[in-house]
Protein backbone atom coordinates (compact mmCIF):
# COMPACT_ATOMS: atom_id res chain seq x y z
CA UNK A 1 108.62 125.33 98.65
CA UNK A 2 106.39 123.79 101.18
CA UNK A 3 109.10 121.97 103.24
CA UNK A 4 111.23 125.33 103.60
CA UNK A 5 108.04 126.55 104.99
CA UNK A 6 108.13 123.73 107.23
CA UNK A 7 111.34 123.99 108.41
CA UNK A 8 111.37 128.23 108.99
CA UNK A 9 108.35 126.95 110.96
CA UNK A 10 109.89 124.45 113.53
CA UNK A 11 112.74 126.70 113.87
CA UNK A 12 110.80 129.70 114.53
CA UNK A 13 108.44 127.11 117.23
CA UNK A 14 111.34 125.21 118.67
CA UNK A 15 113.90 128.31 118.57
CA UNK A 16 112.44 130.17 121.71
CA UNK A 17 112.10 126.99 123.48
CA UNK A 18 116.06 126.06 123.12
CA UNK A 19 116.45 129.59 124.02
CA UNK A 20 114.62 129.22 127.56
CA UNK A 21 117.40 125.91 128.09
CA UNK A 22 120.39 128.86 127.52
CA UNK A 23 119.57 130.10 131.07
CA UNK A 24 122.12 133.12 131.54
CA UNK A 25 121.40 134.27 128.07
CA UNK A 26 117.53 134.01 128.62
CA UNK A 27 117.86 136.08 131.88
CA UNK A 28 119.88 138.48 130.25
CA UNK A 29 117.06 139.24 127.63
CA UNK A 30 114.33 139.12 130.72
CA UNK A 31 116.69 141.58 132.63
CA UNK A 32 116.84 143.92 129.86
CA UNK A 33 113.37 144.07 128.16
CA UNK A 34 111.35 142.77 131.29
CA UNK A 35 109.76 139.55 132.10
CA UNK A 36 106.42 140.09 130.33
CA UNK A 37 107.87 141.54 127.08
CA UNK A 38 110.04 138.52 126.97
CA UNK A 39 106.98 135.96 127.51
CA UNK A 40 105.01 138.37 125.09
CA UNK A 41 107.85 137.77 122.25
CA UNK A 42 108.10 134.10 123.14
CA UNK A 43 104.40 133.17 122.84
CA UNK A 44 104.44 135.64 119.33
CA UNK A 45 107.24 133.94 117.66
CA UNK A 46 106.35 130.29 118.96
CA UNK A 47 102.74 130.99 117.46
CA UNK A 48 103.78 132.16 114.03
CA UNK A 49 106.20 129.14 114.23
CA UNK A 50 103.62 126.85 114.73
CA UNK A 51 101.33 128.46 112.04
CA UNK A 52 104.13 128.26 109.65
CA UNK A 53 104.97 124.64 110.26
CA UNK A 54 101.39 123.58 109.49
CA UNK A 55 100.79 125.82 106.53
CA UNK A 56 104.34 124.42 105.28
CA UNK A 57 103.37 120.87 105.97
CA UNK A 58 99.95 121.47 104.12
CA UNK A 59 101.54 122.94 101.06
CA UNK A 60 104.25 120.22 100.91
CA UNK A 61 101.65 117.61 101.16
CA UNK A 62 99.81 119.39 98.05
CA UNK A 63 102.57 119.29 96.27
CA UNK A 64 103.02 115.63 96.48
CA UNK A 65 104.91 113.79 99.25
CA UNK A 66 108.34 112.46 99.04
CA UNK A 67 108.09 108.69 100.31
CA UNK A 68 111.23 107.93 101.84
CA UNK A 69 109.62 104.37 103.20
CA UNK A 70 105.96 103.09 103.28
CA UNK A 71 105.09 101.84 106.84
CA UNK A 72 103.30 98.68 107.21
CA UNK A 73 99.52 98.86 107.55
CA UNK A 74 99.52 97.18 111.03
CA UNK A 75 101.70 99.87 112.00
CA UNK A 76 99.16 102.55 112.93
CA UNK A 77 97.98 100.14 115.91
CA UNK A 78 101.21 100.86 117.60
CA UNK A 79 100.39 104.66 116.79
CA UNK A 80 96.99 104.55 118.16
CA UNK A 81 98.24 102.76 121.49
CA UNK A 82 101.30 105.15 122.01
CA UNK A 83 99.17 108.17 121.29
CA UNK A 84 96.90 106.94 124.42
CA UNK A 85 99.85 106.92 126.57
CA UNK A 86 101.13 110.01 125.40
CA UNK A 87 98.08 111.74 126.31
CA UNK A 88 97.68 110.77 129.55
CA UNK A 89 101.40 111.43 130.43
CA UNK A 90 100.64 115.11 128.95
CA UNK A 91 97.66 115.09 131.69
CA UNK A 92 99.78 114.02 134.34
CA UNK A 93 101.70 116.83 133.92
CA UNK A 94 99.30 118.81 135.27
CA UNK A 95 97.54 116.24 137.88
CA UNK A 96 100.54 115.04 139.54
CA UNK A 97 100.46 111.82 141.10
CA UNK A 98 102.34 108.63 140.92
CA UNK A 99 102.80 108.72 137.28
CA UNK A 100 104.47 112.28 137.62
CA UNK A 101 106.69 110.89 140.45
CA UNK A 102 107.96 107.91 138.01
CA UNK A 103 108.42 109.80 134.94
CA UNK A 104 109.51 113.30 136.53
CA UNK A 105 108.80 115.21 133.31
CA UNK A 106 105.58 113.45 132.01
CA UNK A 107 105.14 116.54 129.42
CA UNK A 108 108.32 115.68 127.65
CA UNK A 109 107.84 112.29 127.99
CA UNK A 110 104.36 112.50 126.04
CA UNK A 111 105.85 115.04 123.79
CA UNK A 112 108.51 112.09 123.05
CA UNK A 113 106.09 109.38 122.96
CA UNK A 114 103.57 111.45 120.39
CA UNK A 115 106.76 111.77 117.95
CA UNK A 116 108.09 108.55 118.11
CA UNK A 117 104.35 107.22 117.59
CA UNK A 118 104.06 109.29 114.36
CA UNK A 119 107.48 108.50 112.89
CA UNK A 120 106.29 104.84 113.12
CA UNK A 121 103.55 105.06 110.56
CA UNK A 122 105.15 108.42 108.55
CA UNK A 123 107.51 107.23 106.16
CA UNK A 124 107.60 110.58 104.11
CA UNK A 125 110.41 113.19 103.93
CA UNK A 126 108.27 115.91 105.71
CA UNK A 127 106.70 114.05 108.32
CA UNK A 128 110.25 112.65 109.34
CA UNK A 129 111.65 116.18 109.35
CA UNK A 130 108.28 117.45 112.03
CA UNK A 131 108.86 114.54 114.13
CA UNK A 132 112.51 114.01 114.53
CA UNK A 133 112.96 117.82 115.09
CA UNK A 134 110.40 117.82 117.87
CA UNK A 135 111.62 114.55 119.42
CA UNK A 136 115.16 115.81 119.22
CA UNK A 137 114.02 118.90 121.25
CA UNK A 138 112.37 116.81 123.87
CA UNK A 139 115.47 115.07 124.20
CA UNK A 140 117.62 117.90 124.12
CA UNK A 141 115.22 119.62 126.71
CA UNK A 142 115.47 116.49 128.80
CA UNK A 143 118.95 116.62 129.30
CA UNK A 144 119.48 120.24 129.91
CA UNK A 145 116.82 119.88 132.87
CA UNK A 146 119.66 117.66 134.54
CA UNK A 147 122.19 120.58 134.11
CA UNK A 148 120.14 123.50 135.00
CA UNK A 149 120.88 124.99 138.46
CA UNK A 150 118.18 127.64 138.67
CA UNK A 151 114.95 126.80 140.70
CA UNK A 152 112.56 127.61 137.75
CA UNK A 153 108.95 127.83 137.99
CA UNK A 154 107.32 126.63 141.41
CA UNK A 155 106.39 122.74 141.29
CA UNK A 156 103.28 121.57 141.53
CA UNK A 157 102.86 119.82 144.60
CA UNK A 158 102.45 116.12 144.26
CA UNK A 159 98.96 114.33 144.60
CA UNK A 160 97.96 111.28 145.42
CA UNK A 161 96.54 107.98 143.62
CA UNK A 162 93.41 110.34 142.54
CA UNK A 163 95.21 112.69 140.43
CA UNK A 164 96.58 109.44 138.55
CA UNK A 165 92.93 108.40 137.76
CA UNK A 166 92.15 112.02 136.82
CA UNK A 167 95.02 111.87 134.53
CA UNK A 168 94.12 108.96 132.72
CA UNK A 169 90.64 110.22 132.38
CA UNK A 170 91.44 113.64 130.96
CA UNK A 171 94.15 111.81 128.66
CA UNK A 172 91.39 109.47 127.66
CA UNK A 173 89.20 112.32 126.52
CA UNK A 174 92.06 114.28 124.80
CA UNK A 175 92.92 111.06 123.14
CA UNK A 176 89.34 110.94 121.84
CA UNK A 177 89.06 114.34 120.77
CA UNK A 178 92.25 114.42 118.84
CA UNK A 179 91.39 111.32 117.33
CA UNK A 180 88.27 112.17 116.23
CA UNK A 181 87.13 115.97 115.57
CA UNK A 182 90.60 117.24 115.71
CA UNK A 183 92.58 115.17 113.30
CA UNK A 184 90.08 115.20 110.62
CA UNK A 185 89.38 118.61 110.56
CA UNK A 186 92.68 120.31 111.68
CA UNK A 187 95.18 117.77 110.17
CA UNK A 188 92.86 116.72 107.42
CA UNK A 189 93.11 112.98 107.98
CA UNK A 190 90.84 110.97 110.32
CA UNK A 191 92.93 108.47 112.67
CA UNK A 192 90.54 105.30 112.63
CA UNK A 193 89.62 103.23 109.52
CA UNK A 194 92.45 104.24 107.49
CA UNK A 195 96.10 102.86 106.00
CA UNK A 196 98.04 105.22 108.12
CA UNK A 197 97.61 107.40 111.30
CA UNK A 198 98.48 110.19 109.51
CA UNK A 199 100.26 113.60 111.20
């Protein structure tokens, strides 16, 4: 049952994000219902999907994880390192500098890094479904960005190296926040000092 709720949550969360890439269909919906009703529905469905994803993952774990493979203990160090980069990439999306210029879409790079990092240390079916789904969406979204002809949202002007320094600092703060209070309190698994990084 937990896996079904997890999959439903992923569909509701990732579905609207996939719909965004379908520009003619999205524009038709916005034209018919209005921009703010569309954004409101997008937010509501995404939040419900995110909640169901977390709820389903918890139910699945409570029922007993289905182990596909058991990652070696040392892989957690790979995950811990990759997650630091993921946090910096996400920060660079809002503090654009040389990092953003080189990566072009640091937010998507950060999401992909997050997914790969967790796949390294999660060998159970639920974890694999979650992280592969998010990784697949991020790859798909990056591909569609190359083919979109509409201007989209106005780009954030690129800054200089100071923005890169700020992105590293903010990324480090995010990393520590996720690693210590968030992961233990929300996910239920501490990051450091465990045999596996967990989800």
